[in-house]
Amino acid sequence: MDDSLYLPETTDGLLEFLAETYPPKCIAPDQRPEDAHRYAGKVELIRELISQREQERDEG
C-alpha cells in the first residue's frame, strides 16, 4: 500500500485533507487557462462542501 496517500475516515477529515491538497492559488505564468479554471472549480467545490458542513452543524 502507498503510504503517501492518506484518505481520512471521517467527512471532516476528508474536507480538511482536500482543502490542504487544493489551496487557493494564483494562475502560474506557464499554466493554461483551462487548467487554471479546472483547479479553481475544485477549490470552489471544496469551499462549498465545507460551508454546507458548517451549516449542518449550526442547524443540528
PDB file of N, CA and C in Angstrom:
ATOM      1  N   MET A   1       0.847  -1.195   0.000  1.00  0.00           N
ATOM      2  CA  MET A   1       0.000   0.000   0.000  1.00  0.00           C
ATOM      3  C   MET A   1       0.881   1.242   0.000  1.00  0.00           C
ATOM      4  N   ASP A   2       0.472   2.259  -0.719  1.00  0.00           N
ATOM      5  CA  ASP A   2       1.225   3.504  -0.835  1.00  0.00           C
ATOM      6  C   ASP A   2       0.989   4.372   0.395  1.00  0.00           C
ATOM      7  N   ASP A   3       2.037   4.586   1.199  1.00  0.00           N
ATOM      8  CA  ASP A   3       1.902   5.383   2.416  1.00  0.00           C
ATOM      9  C   ASP A   3       1.756   6.872   2.140  1.00  0.00           C
ATOM     10  N   SER A   4       2.073   7.313   0.922  1.00  0.00           N
ATOM     11  CA  SER A   4       1.960   8.738   0.616  1.00  0.00           C
ATOM     12  C   SER A   4       0.505   9.158   0.416  1.00  0.00           C
ATOM     13  N   LEU A   5      -0.389   8.211   0.199  1.00  0.00           N
ATOM     14  CA  LEU A   5      -1.805   8.523   0.023  1.00  0.00           C
ATOM     15  C   LEU A   5      -2.533   8.249   1.325  1.00  0.00           C
ATOM     16  N   TYR A   6      -3.060   9.299   1.898  1.00  0.00           N
ATOM     17  CA  TYR A   6      -3.777   9.181   3.165  1.00  0.00           C
ATOM     18  C   TYR A   6      -5.193   9.672   2.945  1.00  0.00           C
ATOM     19  N   LEU A   7      -6.165   8.805   3.092  1.00  0.00           N
ATOM     20  CA  LEU A   7      -7.562   9.198   2.979  1.00  0.00           C
ATOM     21  C   LEU A   7      -8.210   9.093   4.352  1.00  0.00           C
ATOM     22  N   PRO A   8      -8.656  10.202   4.894  1.00  0.00           N
ATOM     23  CA  PRO A   8      -9.285  10.205   6.215  1.00  0.00           C
ATOM     24  C   PRO A   8     -10.569   9.387   6.224  1.00  0.00           C
ATOM     25  N   GLU A   9     -10.930   8.940   7.406  1.00  0.00           N
ATOM     26  CA  GLU A   9     -12.123   8.110   7.556  1.00  0.00           C
ATOM     27  C   GLU A   9     -13.388   8.920   7.803  1.00  0.00           C
ATOM     28  N   THR A  10     -13.254  10.180   8.211  1.00  0.00           N
ATOM     29  CA  THR A  10     -14.427  10.999   8.513  1.00  0.00           C
ATOM     30  C   THR A  10     -14.633  12.063   7.443  1.00  0.00           C
ATOM     31  N   THR A  11     -15.846  12.567   7.363  1.00  0.00           N
ATOM     32  CA  THR A  11     -16.155  13.631   6.413  1.00  0.00           C
ATOM     33  C   THR A  11     -15.333  14.875   6.707  1.00  0.00           C
ATOM     34  N   ASP A  12     -15.264  15.256   7.975  1.00  0.00           N
ATOM     35  CA  ASP A  12     -14.495  16.445   8.333  1.00  0.00           C
ATOM     36  C   ASP A  12     -13.023  16.273   7.979  1.00  0.00           C
ATOM     37  N   GLY A  13     -12.498  15.095   8.240  1.00  0.00           N
ATOM     38  CA  GLY A  13     -11.104  14.822   7.907  1.00  0.00           C
ATOM     39  C   GLY A  13     -10.861  14.883   6.415  1.00  0.00           C
ATOM     40  N   LEU A  14     -11.802  14.357   5.643  1.00  0.00           N
ATOM     41  CA  LEU A  14     -11.669  14.380   4.191  1.00  0.00           C
ATOM     42  C   LEU A  14     -11.720  15.811   3.666  1.00  0.00           C
ATOM     43  N   LEU A  15     -12.642  16.614   4.181  1.00  0.00           N
ATOM     44  CA  LEU A  15     -12.733  18.003   3.736  1.00  0.00           C
ATOM     45  C   LEU A  15     -11.465  18.776   4.079  1.00  0.00           C
ATOM     46  N   GLU A  16     -10.919  18.523   5.252  1.00  0.00           N
ATOM     47  CA  GLU A  16      -9.667  19.179   5.644  1.00  0.00           C
ATOM     48  C   GLU A  16      -8.527  18.738   4.725  1.00  0.00           C
ATOM     49  N   PHE A  17      -8.469  17.445   4.436  1.00  0.00           N
ATOM     50  CA  PHE A  17      -7.453  16.904   3.537  1.00  0.00           C
ATOM     51  C   PHE A  17      -7.556  17.556   2.157  1.00  0.00           C
ATOM     52  N   LEU A  18      -8.766  17.660   1.626  1.00  0.00           N
ATOM     53  CA  LEU A  18      -8.963  18.263   0.309  1.00  0.00           C
ATOM     54  C   LEU A  18      -8.596  19.742   0.304  1.00  0.00           C
ATOM     55  N   ALA A  19      -8.965  20.464   1.368  1.00  0.00           N
ATOM     56  CA  ALA A  19      -8.640  21.890   1.454  1.00  0.00           C
ATOM     57  C   ALA A  19      -7.130  22.100   1.505  1.00  0.00           C
ATOM     58  N   GLU A  20      -6.418  21.208   2.174  1.00  0.00           N
ATOM     59  CA  GLU A  20      -4.955  21.311   2.230  1.00  0.00           C
ATOM     60  C   GLU A  20      -4.317  20.902   0.906  1.00  0.00           C
ATOM     61  N   THR A  21      -4.931  19.955   0.219  1.00  0.00           N
ATOM     62  CA  THR A  21      -4.397  19.473  -1.049  1.00  0.00           C
ATOM     63  C   THR A  21      -4.637  20.469  -2.180  1.00  0.00           C
ATOM     64  N   TYR A  22      -5.760  21.175  -2.136  1.00  0.00           N
ATOM     65  CA  TYR A  22      -6.126  22.129  -3.180  1.00  0.00           C
ATOM     66  C   TYR A  22      -6.351  23.515  -2.589  1.00  0.00           C
ATOM     67  N   PRO A  23      -5.291  24.180  -2.119  1.00  0.00           N
ATOM     68  CA  PRO A  23      -5.463  25.533  -1.583  1.00  0.00           C
ATOM     69  C   PRO A  23      -5.695  26.524  -2.729  1.00  0.00           C
ATOM     70  N   PRO A  24      -6.358  27.638  -2.452  1.00  0.00           N
ATOM     71  CA  PRO A  24      -6.500  28.661  -3.489  1.00  0.00           C
ATOM     72  C   PRO A  24      -5.119  29.157  -3.914  1.00  0.00           C
ATOM     73  N   LYS A  25      -4.958  29.406  -5.193  1.00  0.00           N
ATOM     74  CA  LYS A  25      -3.680  29.923  -5.678  1.00  0.00           C
ATOM     75  C   LYS A  25      -3.901  30.715  -6.956  1.00  0.00           C
ATOM     76  N   CYS A  26      -2.935  31.545  -7.258  1.00  0.00           N
ATOM     77  CA  CYS A  26      -2.982  32.357  -8.472  1.00  0.00           C
ATOM     78  C   CYS A  26      -2.588  31.505  -9.679  1.00  0.00           C
ATOM     79  N   ILE A  27      -2.984  31.970 -10.833  1.00  0.00           N
ATOM     80  CA  ILE A  27      -2.612  31.290 -12.068  1.00  0.00           C
ATOM     81  C   ILE A  27      -1.112  31.457 -12.282  1.00  0.00           C
ATOM     82  N   ALA A  28      -0.434  30.369 -12.542  1.00  0.00           N
ATOM     83  CA  ALA A  28       1.002  30.410 -12.818  1.00  0.00           C
ATOM     84  C   ALA A  28       1.228  30.947 -14.229  1.00  0.00           C
ATOM     85  N   PRO A  29       2.342  31.630 -14.454  1.00  0.00           N
ATOM     86  CA  PRO A  29       2.610  32.194 -15.784  1.00  0.00           C
ATOM     87  C   PRO A  29       2.601  31.146 -16.901  1.00  0.00           C
ATOM     88  N   ASP A  30       3.009  29.933 -16.585  1.00  0.00           N
ATOM     89  CA  ASP A  30       3.072  28.890 -17.610  1.00  0.00           C
ATOM     90  C   ASP A  30       1.845  27.972 -17.618  1.00  0.00           C
ATOM     91  N   GLN A  31       0.823  28.334 -16.857  1.00  0.00           N
ATOM     92  CA  GLN A  31      -0.366  27.485 -16.738  1.00  0.00           C
ATOM     93  C   GLN A  31      -1.395  27.844 -17.802  1.00  0.00           C
ATOM     94  N   ARG A  32      -1.968  26.830 -18.407  1.00  0.00           N
ATOM     95  CA  ARG A  32      -3.018  27.065 -19.401  1.00  0.00           C
ATOM     96  C   ARG A  32      -4.287  27.529 -18.694  1.00  0.00           C
ATOM     97  N   PRO A  33      -5.049  28.432 -19.302  1.00  0.00           N
ATOM     98  CA  PRO A  33      -6.291  28.908 -18.680  1.00  0.00           C
ATOM     99  C   PRO A  33      -7.259  27.772 -18.350  1.00  0.00           C
ATOM    100  N   GLU A  34      -7.328  26.767 -19.212  1.00  0.00           N
ATOM    101  CA  GLU A  34      -8.232  25.643 -18.966  1.00  0.00           C
ATOM    102  C   GLU A  34      -7.866  24.911 -17.677  1.00  0.00           C
ATOM    103  N   ASP A  35      -6.574  24.726 -17.461  1.00  0.00           N
ATOM    104  CA  ASP A  35      -6.122  24.044 -16.249  1.00  0.00           C
ATOM    105  C   ASP A  35      -6.389  24.893 -15.012  1.00  0.00           C
ATOM    106  N   ALA A  36      -6.192  26.197 -15.138  1.00  0.00           N
ATOM    107  CA  ALA A  36      -6.449  27.100 -14.010  1.00  0.00           C
ATOM    108  C   ALA A  36      -7.928  27.086 -13.638  1.00  0.00           C
ATOM    109  N   HIS A  37      -8.806  27.079 -14.628  1.00  0.00           N
ATOM    110  CA  HIS A  37     -10.248  27.043 -14.359  1.00  0.00           C
ATOM    111  C   HIS A  37     -10.661  25.709 -13.749  1.00  0.00           C
ATOM    112  N   ARG A  38     -10.065  24.649 -14.212  1.00  0.00           N
ATOM    113  CA  ARG A  38     -10.369  23.324 -13.654  1.00  0.00           C
ATOM    114  C   ARG A  38      -9.953  23.266 -12.182  1.00  0.00           C
ATOM    115  N   TYR A  39      -8.771  23.779 -11.872  1.00  0.00           N
ATOM    116  CA  TYR A  39      -8.287  23.804 -10.491  1.00  0.00           C
ATOM    117  C   TYR A  39      -9.193  24.689  -9.639  1.00  0.00           C
ATOM    118  N   ALA A  40      -9.557  25.855 -10.163  1.00  0.00           N
ATOM    119  CA  ALA A  40     -10.426  26.773  -9.416  1.00  0.00           C
ATOM    120  C   ALA A  40     -11.781  26.127  -9.131  1.00  0.00           C
ATOM    121  N   GLY A  41     -12.266  25.311 -10.046  1.00  0.00           N
ATOM    122  CA  GLY A  41     -13.520  24.596  -9.818  1.00  0.00           C
ATOM    123  C   GLY A  41     -13.420  23.626  -8.654  1.00  0.00           C
ATOM    124  N   LYS A  42     -12.275  22.964  -8.537  1.00  0.00           N
ATOM    125  CA  LYS A  42     -12.059  22.057  -7.401  1.00  0.00           C
ATOM    126  C   LYS A  42     -12.061  22.837  -6.095  1.00  0.00           C
ATOM    127  N   VAL A  43     -11.348  23.959  -6.089  1.00  0.00           N
ATOM    128  CA  VAL A  43     -11.272  24.790  -4.885  1.00  0.00           C
ATOM    129  C   VAL A  43     -12.664  25.276  -4.495  1.00  0.00           C
ATOM    130  N   GLU A  44     -13.436  25.726  -5.468  1.00  0.00           N
ATOM    131  CA  GLU A  44     -14.783  26.224  -5.189  1.00  0.00           C
ATOM    132  C   GLU A  44     -15.686  25.115  -4.643  1.00  0.00           C
ATOM    133  N   LEU A  45     -15.606  23.929  -5.217  1.00  0.00           N
ATOM    134  CA  LEU A  45     -16.405  22.805  -4.730  1.00  0.00           C
ATOM    135  C   LEU A  45     -16.046  22.471  -3.283  1.00  0.00           C
ATOM    136  N   ILE A  46     -14.773  22.432  -2.975  1.00  0.00           N
ATOM    137  CA  ILE A  46     -14.335  22.134  -1.612  1.00  0.00           C
ATOM    138  C   ILE A  46     -14.858  23.188  -0.651  1.00  0.00           C
ATOM    139  N   ARG A  47     -14.770  24.456  -1.025  1.00  0.00           N
ATOM    140  CA  ARG A  47     -15.277  25.533  -0.162  1.00  0.00           C
ATOM    141  C   ARG A  47     -16.774  25.395   0.069  1.00  0.00           C
ATOM    142  N   GLU A  48     -17.511  25.049  -0.969  1.00  0.00           N
ATOM    143  CA  GLU A  48     -18.957  24.869  -0.837  1.00  0.00           C
ATOM    144  C   GLU A  48     -19.287  23.694   0.081  1.00  0.00           C
ATOM    145  N   LEU A  49     -18.551  22.614  -0.044  1.00  0.00           N
ATOM    146  CA  LEU A  49     -18.785  21.458   0.823  1.00  0.00           C
ATOM    147  C   LEU A  49     -18.486  21.787   2.282  1.00  0.00           C
ATOM    148  N   ILE A  50     -17.417  22.534   2.523  1.00  0.00           N
ATOM    149  CA  ILE A  50     -17.083  22.950   3.888  1.00  0.00           C
ATOM    150  C   ILE A  50     -18.171  23.862   4.434  1.00  0.00           C
ATOM    151  N   SER A  51     -18.646  24.782   3.618  1.00  0.00           N
ATOM    152  CA  SER A  51     -19.711  25.693   4.037  1.00  0.00           C
ATOM    153  C   SER A  51     -20.989  24.923   4.366  1.00  0.00           C
ATOM    154  N   GLN A  52     -21.328  23.966   3.527  1.00  0.00           N
ATOM    155  CA  GLN A  52     -22.523  23.153   3.773  1.00  0.00           C
ATOM    156  C   GLN A  52     -22.372  22.362   5.070  1.00  0.00           C
ATOM    157  N   ARG A  53     -21.197  21.822   5.309  1.00  0.00           N
ATOM    158  CA  ARG A  53     -20.951  21.051   6.536  1.00  0.00           C
ATOM    159  C   ARG A  53     -21.101  21.943   7.770  1.00  0.00           C
ATOM    160  N   GLU A  54     -20.600  23.177   7.690  1.00  0.00           N
ATOM    161  CA  GLU A  54     -20.729  24.118   8.807  1.00  0.00           C
ATOM    162  C   GLU A  54     -22.189  24.485   9.053  1.00  0.00           C
ATOM    163  N   GLN A  55     -22.967  24.653   7.990  1.00  0.00           N
ATOM    164  CA  GLN A  55     -24.394  24.943   8.134  1.00  0.00           C
ATOM    165  C   GLN A  55     -25.116  23.781   8.805  1.00  0.00           C
ATOM    166  N   GLU A  56     -24.767  22.563   8.426  1.00  0.00           N
ATOM    167  CA  GLU A  56     -25.381  21.386   9.045  1.00  0.00           C
ATOM    168  C   GLU A  56     -25.096  21.355  10.541  1.00  0.00           C
ATOM    169  N   ARG A  57     -23.896  21.716  10.917  1.00  0.00           N
ATOM    170  CA  ARG A  57     -23.536  21.740  12.340  1.00  0.00           C
ATOM    171  C   ARG A  57     -24.332  22.803  13.082  1.00  0.00           C
ATOM    172  N   ASP A  58     -24.473  23.975  12.462  1.00  0.00           N
ATOM    173  CA  ASP A  58     -25.204  25.073  13.099  1.00  0.00           C
ATOM    174  C   ASP A  58     -26.678  24.733  13.290  1.00  0.00           C
ATOM    175  N   GLU A  59     -27.243  23.992  12.344  1.00  0.00           N
ATOM    176  CA  GLU A  59     -28.663  23.648  12.400  1.00  0.00           C
ATOM    177  C   GLU A  59     -28.947  22.476  13.339  1.00  0.00           C
ATOM    178  N   GLY A  60     -27.973  21.639  13.538  1.00  0.00           N
ATOM    179  CA  GLY A  60     -28.313  20.442  14.267  1.00  0.00           C
ATOM    180  C   GLY A  60     -27.434  20.109  15.376  1.00  0.00           C
TER     181      GLY A  60
END
